[in-house]
N, C-alpha and C. Protein backbone atom coordinates (compact mmCIF):
# COMPACT_ATOMS: atom_id res chain seq x y z
N MET A 1 23.46 13.18 23.78
CA MET A 1 23.89 13.70 22.49
C MET A 1 23.42 12.76 21.39
N SER A 2 22.95 13.32 20.27
CA SER A 2 22.48 12.52 19.14
C SER A 2 23.10 13.05 17.86
N ASP A 3 23.64 12.16 17.03
CA ASP A 3 24.30 12.62 15.81
C ASP A 3 24.33 11.53 14.75
N ASP A 4 24.85 11.89 13.58
CA ASP A 4 25.03 10.93 12.49
C ASP A 4 26.09 9.89 12.89
N ILE A 5 26.02 8.75 12.21
CA ILE A 5 27.00 7.69 12.45
C ILE A 5 27.87 7.55 11.20
N PRO A 6 29.16 7.82 11.28
CA PRO A 6 30.02 7.62 10.11
C PRO A 6 30.21 6.13 9.85
N PRO A 7 30.46 5.74 8.60
CA PRO A 7 30.61 4.32 8.27
C PRO A 7 31.67 3.60 9.11
N ARG A 8 32.70 4.30 9.53
CA ARG A 8 33.74 3.64 10.33
C ARG A 8 33.21 3.15 11.68
N GLN A 9 32.04 3.65 12.08
CA GLN A 9 31.45 3.22 13.34
C GLN A 9 30.24 2.31 13.16
N PHE A 10 30.05 1.80 11.95
CA PHE A 10 28.93 0.89 11.70
C PHE A 10 29.08 -0.41 12.50
N ARG A 11 30.31 -0.85 12.73
CA ARG A 11 30.51 -2.06 13.52
C ARG A 11 29.94 -1.88 14.92
N GLU A 12 30.26 -0.75 15.53
CA GLU A 12 29.77 -0.45 16.88
C GLU A 12 28.25 -0.28 16.88
N ALA A 13 27.74 0.41 15.86
CA ALA A 13 26.29 0.64 15.78
C ALA A 13 25.54 -0.67 15.58
N ALA A 14 26.06 -1.56 14.72
CA ALA A 14 25.41 -2.84 14.48
C ALA A 14 25.38 -3.69 15.74
N ALA A 15 26.42 -3.62 16.54
CA ALA A 15 26.47 -4.38 17.79
C ALA A 15 25.39 -3.90 18.76
N VAL A 16 25.15 -2.59 18.80
CA VAL A 16 24.11 -2.04 19.67
C VAL A 16 22.73 -2.52 19.22
N LEU A 17 22.46 -2.47 17.91
CA LEU A 17 21.17 -2.92 17.39
C LEU A 17 20.98 -4.43 17.61
N ALA A 18 22.03 -5.20 17.37
CA ALA A 18 21.93 -6.65 17.56
C ALA A 18 21.62 -6.99 19.01
N ALA A 19 22.25 -6.30 19.94
CA ALA A 19 21.98 -6.54 21.35
C ALA A 19 20.54 -6.18 21.70
N ALA A 20 20.05 -5.10 21.12
CA ALA A 20 18.68 -4.65 21.41
C ALA A 20 17.64 -5.63 20.89
N PHE A 21 17.92 -6.32 19.78
CA PHE A 21 16.94 -7.22 19.18
C PHE A 21 17.21 -8.69 19.47
N SER A 22 18.19 -8.98 20.30
CA SER A 22 18.53 -10.39 20.57
C SER A 22 17.41 -11.13 21.30
N ALA A 23 16.54 -10.40 22.01
CA ALA A 23 15.45 -11.05 22.74
C ALA A 23 14.13 -11.02 21.96
N ASP A 24 14.14 -10.54 20.72
CA ASP A 24 12.92 -10.47 19.92
C ASP A 24 12.30 -11.87 19.78
N GLY A 25 10.99 -11.96 20.00
CA GLY A 25 10.32 -13.25 20.00
C GLY A 25 10.40 -13.99 18.68
N LEU A 26 10.14 -13.28 17.57
CA LEU A 26 10.19 -13.92 16.26
C LEU A 26 11.60 -14.41 15.97
N TRP A 27 12.59 -13.57 16.23
CA TRP A 27 13.98 -13.96 15.98
C TRP A 27 14.33 -15.21 16.77
N ASN A 28 13.93 -15.27 18.02
CA ASN A 28 14.29 -16.41 18.86
C ASN A 28 13.56 -17.69 18.45
N ASP A 29 12.43 -17.55 17.75
CA ASP A 29 11.73 -18.73 17.25
C ASP A 29 12.39 -19.32 16.01
N VAL A 30 13.04 -18.48 15.19
CA VAL A 30 13.57 -18.96 13.91
C VAL A 30 15.09 -18.90 13.83
N ARG A 31 15.75 -18.34 14.81
CA ARG A 31 17.20 -18.15 14.77
C ARG A 31 17.94 -19.48 14.55
N PRO A 32 19.12 -19.42 13.92
CA PRO A 32 19.88 -20.66 13.72
C PRO A 32 20.34 -21.25 15.04
N SER A 33 20.57 -22.56 15.04
CA SER A 33 21.02 -23.22 16.26
C SER A 33 22.43 -22.76 16.62
N GLY A 34 22.69 -22.71 17.89
CA GLY A 34 24.00 -22.24 18.35
C GLY A 34 23.97 -20.76 18.62
N SER A 35 24.16 -20.37 19.87
CA SER A 35 24.03 -18.95 20.22
C SER A 35 25.08 -18.08 19.53
N ARG A 36 26.28 -18.61 19.36
CA ARG A 36 27.32 -17.80 18.72
C ARG A 36 26.98 -17.52 17.26
N ARG A 37 26.52 -18.54 16.54
CA ARG A 37 26.14 -18.35 15.14
C ARG A 37 24.96 -17.40 15.02
N ALA A 38 23.97 -17.55 15.92
CA ALA A 38 22.81 -16.67 15.90
C ALA A 38 23.22 -15.22 16.18
N ASP A 39 24.10 -15.02 17.14
CA ASP A 39 24.57 -13.66 17.44
C ASP A 39 25.30 -13.05 16.25
N ARG A 40 26.12 -13.85 15.59
CA ARG A 40 26.84 -13.36 14.41
C ARG A 40 25.88 -13.02 13.28
N ALA A 41 24.84 -13.84 13.10
CA ALA A 41 23.87 -13.59 12.04
C ALA A 41 23.12 -12.29 12.28
N LEU A 42 22.70 -12.06 13.52
CA LEU A 42 21.96 -10.83 13.84
C LEU A 42 22.86 -9.61 13.67
N TYR A 43 24.11 -9.73 14.10
CA TYR A 43 25.06 -8.62 13.92
C TYR A 43 25.28 -8.34 12.43
N ARG A 44 25.49 -9.40 11.63
CA ARG A 44 25.73 -9.21 10.20
C ARG A 44 24.51 -8.60 9.51
N PHE A 45 23.30 -8.98 9.99
CA PHE A 45 22.09 -8.39 9.43
C PHE A 45 22.11 -6.88 9.60
N PHE A 46 22.40 -6.41 10.80
CA PHE A 46 22.38 -4.97 11.03
C PHE A 46 23.56 -4.26 10.36
N ARG A 47 24.70 -4.93 10.22
CA ARG A 47 25.78 -4.32 9.43
C ARG A 47 25.30 -4.09 8.01
N GLY A 48 24.59 -5.06 7.47
CA GLY A 48 24.07 -4.91 6.12
C GLY A 48 23.03 -3.81 6.01
N GLU A 49 22.12 -3.73 6.99
CA GLU A 49 21.07 -2.71 6.93
C GLU A 49 21.65 -1.31 7.06
N LEU A 50 22.68 -1.14 7.85
CA LEU A 50 23.34 0.16 7.96
C LEU A 50 23.99 0.55 6.62
N ALA A 51 24.62 -0.43 5.96
CA ALA A 51 25.25 -0.16 4.66
C ALA A 51 24.19 0.19 3.61
N ILE A 52 23.06 -0.52 3.65
CA ILE A 52 21.96 -0.23 2.72
C ILE A 52 21.43 1.18 2.95
N ALA A 53 21.22 1.53 4.21
CA ALA A 53 20.70 2.86 4.53
C ALA A 53 21.64 3.95 4.05
N ARG A 54 22.93 3.76 4.23
CA ARG A 54 23.90 4.76 3.78
C ARG A 54 23.83 4.91 2.26
N ARG A 55 23.80 3.80 1.54
CA ARG A 55 23.79 3.86 0.08
C ARG A 55 22.49 4.46 -0.44
N ARG A 56 21.39 4.25 0.26
CA ARG A 56 20.09 4.77 -0.18
C ARG A 56 19.83 6.18 0.33
N GLY A 57 20.76 6.76 1.08
CA GLY A 57 20.54 8.11 1.61
C GLY A 57 19.59 8.13 2.77
N GLY A 58 19.51 7.01 3.51
CA GLY A 58 18.62 6.95 4.66
C GLY A 58 19.14 7.76 5.85
N ILE A 59 18.33 7.80 6.87
CA ILE A 59 18.68 8.51 8.11
C ILE A 59 19.27 7.49 9.08
N VAL A 60 20.49 7.74 9.52
CA VAL A 60 21.15 6.87 10.51
C VAL A 60 21.68 7.77 11.61
N ARG A 61 21.12 7.64 12.82
CA ARG A 61 21.48 8.50 13.94
C ARG A 61 21.85 7.66 15.15
N ALA A 62 22.61 8.27 16.05
CA ALA A 62 23.04 7.58 17.27
C ALA A 62 22.88 8.48 18.48
N THR A 63 22.70 7.85 19.64
CA THR A 63 22.91 8.53 20.91
C THR A 63 24.23 8.01 21.46
N ARG A 64 24.91 8.83 22.22
CA ARG A 64 26.23 8.47 22.74
C ARG A 64 26.34 8.83 24.22
N ASP A 65 27.25 8.12 24.90
CA ASP A 65 27.51 8.48 26.29
C ASP A 65 28.55 9.59 26.34
N GLY A 66 28.96 9.98 27.55
CA GLY A 66 29.90 11.09 27.70
C GLY A 66 31.24 10.85 27.06
N GLY A 67 31.61 9.57 26.86
CA GLY A 67 32.88 9.24 26.22
C GLY A 67 32.79 9.06 24.72
N GLY A 68 31.61 9.28 24.15
CA GLY A 68 31.43 9.16 22.70
C GLY A 68 31.03 7.77 22.24
N ARG A 69 30.85 6.82 23.16
CA ARG A 69 30.46 5.46 22.79
C ARG A 69 28.99 5.44 22.38
N ILE A 70 28.67 4.74 21.30
CA ILE A 70 27.30 4.64 20.81
C ILE A 70 26.46 3.82 21.79
N THR A 71 25.32 4.37 22.19
CA THR A 71 24.42 3.67 23.11
C THR A 71 23.04 3.41 22.50
N GLY A 72 22.74 4.03 21.38
CA GLY A 72 21.46 3.82 20.71
C GLY A 72 21.57 4.17 19.24
N VAL A 73 20.74 3.51 18.41
CA VAL A 73 20.81 3.70 16.96
C VAL A 73 19.41 3.68 16.38
N ILE A 74 19.17 4.53 15.39
CA ILE A 74 17.92 4.49 14.62
C ILE A 74 18.26 4.52 13.13
N ILE A 75 17.49 3.73 12.37
CA ILE A 75 17.56 3.74 10.90
C ILE A 75 16.17 4.10 10.40
N ALA A 76 16.10 5.10 9.52
CA ALA A 76 14.82 5.52 8.95
C ALA A 76 15.04 5.92 7.49
N PHE A 77 13.94 5.99 6.74
CA PHE A 77 14.00 6.35 5.32
C PHE A 77 12.96 7.40 5.01
N THR A 78 13.36 8.47 4.33
CA THR A 78 12.42 9.53 3.99
C THR A 78 11.58 9.20 2.76
N ASP A 79 11.94 8.12 2.04
CA ASP A 79 11.17 7.77 0.83
C ASP A 79 10.15 6.66 1.09
N GLY A 80 9.95 6.30 2.34
CA GLY A 80 8.95 5.29 2.68
C GLY A 80 9.46 3.87 2.68
N GLU A 81 10.54 3.55 1.94
CA GLU A 81 11.18 2.23 1.93
C GLU A 81 10.16 1.10 1.80
N ARG A 82 9.28 1.20 0.80
CA ARG A 82 8.28 0.15 0.63
C ARG A 82 8.87 -1.12 0.04
N THR A 83 9.86 -0.97 -0.83
CA THR A 83 10.48 -2.15 -1.43
C THR A 83 12.00 -2.00 -1.37
N SER A 84 12.69 -3.12 -1.38
CA SER A 84 14.15 -3.10 -1.33
C SER A 84 14.73 -3.14 -2.74
N PRO A 85 15.73 -2.32 -3.05
CA PRO A 85 16.38 -2.42 -4.35
C PRO A 85 17.10 -3.77 -4.46
N TRP A 86 17.32 -4.23 -5.69
CA TRP A 86 17.91 -5.55 -5.89
C TRP A 86 19.26 -5.69 -5.22
N TRP A 87 20.06 -4.61 -5.23
CA TRP A 87 21.41 -4.71 -4.68
C TRP A 87 21.43 -4.82 -3.16
N ALA A 88 20.29 -4.56 -2.50
CA ALA A 88 20.25 -4.67 -1.04
C ALA A 88 20.55 -6.10 -0.59
N TRP A 89 20.17 -7.08 -1.44
CA TRP A 89 20.38 -8.48 -1.05
C TRP A 89 21.85 -8.84 -1.01
N ILE A 90 22.69 -8.09 -1.72
CA ILE A 90 24.15 -8.32 -1.63
C ILE A 90 24.62 -8.05 -0.20
N HIS A 91 24.10 -6.98 0.40
CA HIS A 91 24.48 -6.65 1.78
C HIS A 91 23.85 -7.60 2.80
N ARG A 92 22.73 -8.21 2.43
CA ARG A 92 22.04 -9.13 3.35
C ARG A 92 22.55 -10.56 3.25
N LEU A 93 23.32 -10.85 2.20
CA LEU A 93 23.77 -12.22 1.96
C LEU A 93 24.58 -12.81 3.12
N PRO A 94 25.54 -12.09 3.72
CA PRO A 94 26.30 -12.70 4.83
C PRO A 94 25.40 -13.18 5.98
N ALA A 95 24.40 -12.38 6.33
CA ALA A 95 23.48 -12.78 7.40
C ALA A 95 22.64 -13.98 6.95
N MET A 96 22.21 -14.00 5.68
CA MET A 96 21.40 -15.10 5.18
C MET A 96 22.17 -16.40 5.18
N LEU A 97 23.45 -16.34 4.86
CA LEU A 97 24.28 -17.55 4.87
C LEU A 97 24.44 -18.09 6.28
N LEU A 98 24.56 -17.20 7.24
CA LEU A 98 24.67 -17.62 8.64
C LEU A 98 23.34 -18.17 9.16
N CYS A 99 22.24 -17.59 8.69
CA CYS A 99 20.92 -18.03 9.14
C CYS A 99 20.52 -19.37 8.56
N GLY A 100 20.93 -19.62 7.33
CA GLY A 100 20.51 -20.84 6.65
C GLY A 100 19.26 -20.60 5.82
N VAL A 101 18.94 -21.55 4.94
CA VAL A 101 17.86 -21.39 3.98
C VAL A 101 16.50 -21.26 4.67
N ARG A 102 16.20 -22.16 5.61
CA ARG A 102 14.87 -22.15 6.23
C ARG A 102 14.60 -20.85 6.97
N THR A 103 15.54 -20.42 7.79
CA THR A 103 15.36 -19.19 8.56
C THR A 103 15.27 -17.98 7.63
N SER A 104 16.13 -17.93 6.61
CA SER A 104 16.12 -16.79 5.68
C SER A 104 14.79 -16.71 4.94
N ARG A 105 14.27 -17.85 4.50
CA ARG A 105 12.99 -17.83 3.78
C ARG A 105 11.85 -17.38 4.69
N THR A 106 11.87 -17.84 5.93
CA THR A 106 10.83 -17.43 6.88
C THR A 106 10.88 -15.94 7.13
N LEU A 107 12.07 -15.41 7.39
CA LEU A 107 12.21 -13.99 7.68
C LEU A 107 11.88 -13.13 6.47
N MET A 108 12.26 -13.56 5.27
CA MET A 108 11.93 -12.80 4.06
C MET A 108 10.42 -12.75 3.83
N ALA A 109 9.75 -13.87 4.10
CA ALA A 109 8.28 -13.90 3.94
C ALA A 109 7.61 -12.94 4.92
N LYS A 110 8.11 -12.89 6.16
CA LYS A 110 7.55 -11.97 7.15
C LYS A 110 7.82 -10.52 6.74
N LEU A 111 9.02 -10.25 6.24
CA LEU A 111 9.37 -8.90 5.79
C LEU A 111 8.46 -8.45 4.66
N GLU A 112 8.21 -9.34 3.69
CA GLU A 112 7.33 -8.99 2.58
C GLU A 112 5.90 -8.74 3.07
N GLN A 113 5.46 -9.52 4.03
CA GLN A 113 4.12 -9.34 4.59
C GLN A 113 3.97 -7.97 5.25
N VAL A 114 4.99 -7.56 5.98
CA VAL A 114 4.98 -6.26 6.65
C VAL A 114 5.05 -5.13 5.62
N GLU A 115 5.90 -5.31 4.59
CA GLU A 115 6.05 -4.26 3.58
C GLU A 115 4.75 -4.01 2.81
N ARG A 116 3.93 -5.04 2.64
CA ARG A 116 2.66 -4.87 1.92
C ARG A 116 1.70 -3.96 2.67
N ALA A 117 1.89 -3.82 3.97
CA ALA A 117 1.00 -3.00 4.78
C ALA A 117 1.43 -1.54 4.84
N HIS A 118 2.56 -1.20 4.23
CA HIS A 118 3.03 0.19 4.28
C HIS A 118 2.03 1.12 3.61
N PRO A 119 1.86 2.32 4.16
CA PRO A 119 1.00 3.31 3.49
C PRO A 119 1.59 3.72 2.15
N ARG A 120 0.73 4.10 1.23
CA ARG A 120 1.18 4.51 -0.10
C ARG A 120 1.53 6.00 -0.17
N GLU A 121 1.02 6.77 0.77
CA GLU A 121 1.35 8.19 0.78
C GLU A 121 2.82 8.40 1.15
N PRO A 122 3.44 9.51 0.70
CA PRO A 122 4.81 9.78 1.11
C PRO A 122 4.92 9.86 2.63
N HIS A 123 5.99 9.29 3.18
CA HIS A 123 6.17 9.29 4.63
C HIS A 123 7.62 8.99 4.97
N VAL A 124 7.97 9.23 6.21
CA VAL A 124 9.26 8.79 6.75
C VAL A 124 9.02 7.45 7.41
N TYR A 125 9.76 6.45 6.97
CA TYR A 125 9.60 5.11 7.52
C TYR A 125 10.62 4.86 8.62
N PHE A 126 10.14 4.58 9.82
CA PHE A 126 10.99 4.25 10.95
C PHE A 126 11.26 2.74 10.90
N TYR A 127 12.47 2.37 10.53
CA TYR A 127 12.81 0.99 10.22
C TYR A 127 13.23 0.23 11.49
N TYR A 128 14.32 0.62 12.09
CA TYR A 128 14.79 -0.01 13.33
C TYR A 128 15.29 1.05 14.30
N VAL A 129 15.00 0.84 15.57
CA VAL A 129 15.57 1.68 16.63
C VAL A 129 15.87 0.77 17.81
N GLY A 130 17.05 0.93 18.38
CA GLY A 130 17.45 0.14 19.53
C GLY A 130 18.37 0.95 20.43
N SER A 131 18.20 0.78 21.71
CA SER A 131 19.01 1.53 22.67
C SER A 131 19.30 0.66 23.89
N GLU A 132 20.50 0.79 24.42
CA GLU A 132 20.84 0.07 25.64
C GLU A 132 20.54 0.89 26.89
N ARG A 133 20.06 2.10 26.71
CA ARG A 133 19.76 2.97 27.84
C ARG A 133 18.29 3.38 27.83
N LEU A 134 17.70 3.43 29.00
CA LEU A 134 16.31 3.85 29.13
C LEU A 134 16.16 5.28 28.62
N GLY A 135 15.21 5.50 27.75
CA GLY A 135 14.98 6.84 27.19
C GLY A 135 15.73 7.11 25.91
N GLY A 136 16.71 6.26 25.58
CA GLY A 136 17.50 6.50 24.37
C GLY A 136 16.67 6.37 23.10
N GLY A 137 15.73 5.41 23.09
CA GLY A 137 14.87 5.25 21.92
C GLY A 137 14.00 6.46 21.68
N ALA A 138 13.48 7.06 22.77
CA ALA A 138 12.64 8.25 22.64
C ALA A 138 13.43 9.42 22.07
N VAL A 139 14.67 9.57 22.49
CA VAL A 139 15.53 10.66 21.98
C VAL A 139 15.70 10.50 20.47
N LEU A 140 15.97 9.28 20.03
CA LEU A 140 16.20 9.03 18.61
C LEU A 140 14.93 9.21 17.78
N ILE A 141 13.81 8.72 18.30
CA ILE A 141 12.54 8.88 17.58
C ILE A 141 12.20 10.36 17.43
N ARG A 142 12.39 11.13 18.50
CA ARG A 142 12.11 12.58 18.42
C ARG A 142 13.02 13.25 17.40
N LYS A 143 14.28 12.81 17.32
CA LYS A 143 15.23 13.39 16.37
C LYS A 143 14.72 13.23 14.94
N VAL A 144 14.23 12.03 14.61
CA VAL A 144 13.75 11.78 13.25
C VAL A 144 12.38 12.42 13.03
N MET A 145 11.56 12.50 14.09
CA MET A 145 10.28 13.23 13.97
C MET A 145 10.53 14.68 13.58
N LYS A 146 11.59 15.27 14.12
CA LYS A 146 11.92 16.65 13.77
C LYS A 146 12.27 16.77 12.29
N ILE A 147 13.02 15.79 11.77
CA ILE A 147 13.36 15.78 10.34
C ILE A 147 12.09 15.67 9.51
N ALA A 148 11.17 14.78 9.93
CA ALA A 148 9.91 14.60 9.22
C ALA A 148 9.07 15.87 9.25
N ARG A 149 9.01 16.51 10.41
CA ARG A 149 8.23 17.74 10.55
C ARG A 149 8.76 18.82 9.61
N GLU A 150 10.07 18.96 9.54
CA GLU A 150 10.67 19.98 8.68
C GLU A 150 10.43 19.68 7.20
N ALA A 151 10.30 18.39 6.87
CA ALA A 151 10.03 17.99 5.48
C ALA A 151 8.54 17.98 5.17
N GLY A 152 7.69 18.18 6.20
CA GLY A 152 6.25 18.14 5.99
C GLY A 152 5.72 16.74 5.71
N LEU A 153 6.37 15.72 6.28
CA LEU A 153 5.99 14.34 6.03
C LEU A 153 5.47 13.67 7.30
N PRO A 154 4.49 12.78 7.18
CA PRO A 154 4.08 11.97 8.32
C PRO A 154 5.12 10.87 8.57
N CYS A 155 4.99 10.21 9.70
CA CYS A 155 5.89 9.12 10.07
C CYS A 155 5.11 7.82 10.17
N TYR A 156 5.79 6.72 9.84
CA TYR A 156 5.17 5.40 9.93
C TYR A 156 6.22 4.38 10.35
N GLY A 157 5.79 3.40 11.12
CA GLY A 157 6.68 2.31 11.50
C GLY A 157 5.89 1.14 12.03
N GLU A 158 6.58 0.08 12.39
CA GLU A 158 5.95 -1.09 13.00
C GLU A 158 6.58 -1.34 14.36
N ALA A 159 5.77 -1.28 15.40
CA ALA A 159 6.26 -1.53 16.75
C ALA A 159 6.30 -3.04 16.96
N LYS A 160 7.45 -3.51 17.40
CA LYS A 160 7.64 -4.95 17.54
C LYS A 160 7.37 -5.46 18.95
N SER A 161 7.01 -4.55 19.86
CA SER A 161 6.68 -4.98 21.22
C SER A 161 5.69 -3.98 21.83
N PRO A 162 4.93 -4.40 22.85
CA PRO A 162 4.00 -3.48 23.52
C PRO A 162 4.71 -2.27 24.12
N ASP A 163 5.94 -2.44 24.57
CA ASP A 163 6.69 -1.32 25.14
C ASP A 163 6.92 -0.22 24.10
N VAL A 164 7.20 -0.63 22.86
CA VAL A 164 7.43 0.36 21.80
C VAL A 164 6.12 1.04 21.42
N VAL A 165 5.02 0.28 21.41
CA VAL A 165 3.71 0.89 21.17
C VAL A 165 3.43 1.95 22.22
N GLU A 166 3.69 1.63 23.47
CA GLU A 166 3.45 2.58 24.56
C GLU A 166 4.33 3.82 24.41
N LEU A 167 5.60 3.62 24.06
CA LEU A 167 6.51 4.76 23.87
C LEU A 167 6.01 5.66 22.75
N CYS A 168 5.62 5.08 21.62
CA CYS A 168 5.13 5.88 20.50
C CYS A 168 3.85 6.63 20.88
N THR A 169 2.98 5.99 21.64
CA THR A 169 1.75 6.66 22.07
C THR A 169 2.07 7.87 22.94
N ILE A 170 3.03 7.72 23.84
CA ILE A 170 3.45 8.84 24.69
C ILE A 170 3.97 9.99 23.85
N LEU A 171 4.63 9.66 22.73
CA LEU A 171 5.20 10.69 21.84
C LEU A 171 4.16 11.26 20.87
N GLY A 172 2.90 10.84 21.00
CA GLY A 172 1.85 11.42 20.17
C GLY A 172 1.51 10.64 18.92
N TRP A 173 1.99 9.39 18.81
CA TRP A 173 1.69 8.56 17.66
C TRP A 173 0.37 7.83 17.88
N ASP A 174 -0.24 7.38 16.79
CA ASP A 174 -1.42 6.54 16.83
C ASP A 174 -1.02 5.11 16.48
N ALA A 175 -1.75 4.14 17.05
CA ALA A 175 -1.48 2.73 16.78
C ALA A 175 -2.68 2.11 16.07
N GLY A 176 -2.40 1.27 15.09
CA GLY A 176 -3.46 0.58 14.37
C GLY A 176 -3.58 -0.86 14.81
N PRO A 177 -4.46 -1.62 14.19
CA PRO A 177 -4.60 -3.05 14.51
C PRO A 177 -3.30 -3.79 14.19
N PRO A 178 -2.90 -4.73 15.03
CA PRO A 178 -1.67 -5.49 14.78
C PRO A 178 -1.71 -6.26 13.46
N ILE A 179 -0.56 -6.42 12.84
CA ILE A 179 -0.40 -7.25 11.65
C ILE A 179 0.02 -8.63 12.13
N ASP A 180 -0.81 -9.62 11.87
CA ASP A 180 -0.53 -10.99 12.32
C ASP A 180 0.52 -11.63 11.42
N LEU A 181 1.64 -12.03 12.02
CA LEU A 181 2.71 -12.67 11.26
C LEU A 181 2.68 -14.19 11.39
N GLY A 182 1.71 -14.70 12.12
CA GLY A 182 1.61 -16.14 12.30
C GLY A 182 2.45 -16.64 13.47
N ASP A 183 2.13 -17.83 13.93
CA ASP A 183 2.87 -18.48 15.02
C ASP A 183 2.92 -17.63 16.28
N GLY A 184 1.85 -16.84 16.51
CA GLY A 184 1.79 -16.05 17.73
C GLY A 184 2.55 -14.75 17.69
N HIS A 185 3.04 -14.33 16.53
CA HIS A 185 3.82 -13.10 16.42
C HIS A 185 3.05 -12.04 15.63
N SER A 186 3.28 -10.78 15.97
CA SER A 186 2.64 -9.68 15.26
C SER A 186 3.48 -8.43 15.43
N VAL A 187 3.24 -7.45 14.58
CA VAL A 187 3.79 -6.11 14.73
C VAL A 187 2.62 -5.13 14.68
N THR A 188 2.77 -4.00 15.33
CA THR A 188 1.70 -3.02 15.40
C THR A 188 2.05 -1.79 14.57
N PRO A 189 1.29 -1.47 13.53
CA PRO A 189 1.56 -0.24 12.77
C PRO A 189 1.35 0.99 13.66
N VAL A 190 2.27 1.92 13.59
CA VAL A 190 2.16 3.18 14.33
C VAL A 190 2.46 4.32 13.37
N TRP A 191 1.76 5.45 13.55
CA TRP A 191 2.01 6.59 12.67
C TRP A 191 1.84 7.90 13.42
N TRP A 192 2.50 8.90 12.86
CA TRP A 192 2.45 10.26 13.42
C TRP A 192 2.26 11.20 12.25
N ARG A 193 1.23 12.05 12.32
CA ARG A 193 0.87 12.88 11.17
C ARG A 193 1.05 14.38 11.35
N GLY A 194 1.64 14.80 12.41
CA GLY A 194 1.84 16.24 12.52
C GLY A 194 2.16 16.66 13.93
N PRO A 195 2.31 17.94 14.18
CA PRO A 195 2.02 19.01 13.21
C PRO A 195 3.10 19.11 12.11
N VAL A 196 2.69 19.62 10.95
CA VAL A 196 3.62 19.82 9.85
C VAL A 196 3.61 21.31 9.50
N PRO A 197 4.70 21.78 8.86
CA PRO A 197 4.75 23.20 8.53
C PRO A 197 3.64 23.62 7.56
N VAL A 198 3.17 24.84 7.68
CA VAL A 198 2.17 25.38 6.74
C VAL A 198 2.90 25.90 5.52
N ALA A 199 2.43 25.50 4.32
CA ALA A 199 3.09 25.91 3.07
C ALA A 199 2.91 27.41 2.84
């Protein structure tokens, strides 16, 4: 089952995303010392991103198990999300305080580098997707692809691992040359351009 996530369940949704990204290579290179503080910082980051998406009218969807527990989450934006509004940093501040100045500056620089590579044409931007169940990410990506298809928009995102590149390729996406983030890290631009409805 896949559906919208009400704000009262953002805590649960953020925990799922934080668990999914806890092994990310870049995060583990720059994360604050102390596993508990790092876990709290990653959780607070996703709590903030969910709040930002809600305020900006973004797409926030979940997969759930038979008991209604959230098992996967996707955040996407129909306006391309090329730049962050000034007030977004208010929601990001708790995570930044937990991360510390050095880590926050490093992550912001990487984020700006990735944002500069966004296409200028209108598109649906796939921001984050994480699932604790095999196949959950594919369900969520297809759900947002359907929204994009109905709107007549292409899709764009950055795959943070080879597994995600492979999943997107299976779903009919194309992959471009990786964006080098330095220190052995990169993300791979992926896009999907159709089919779209005929006007």
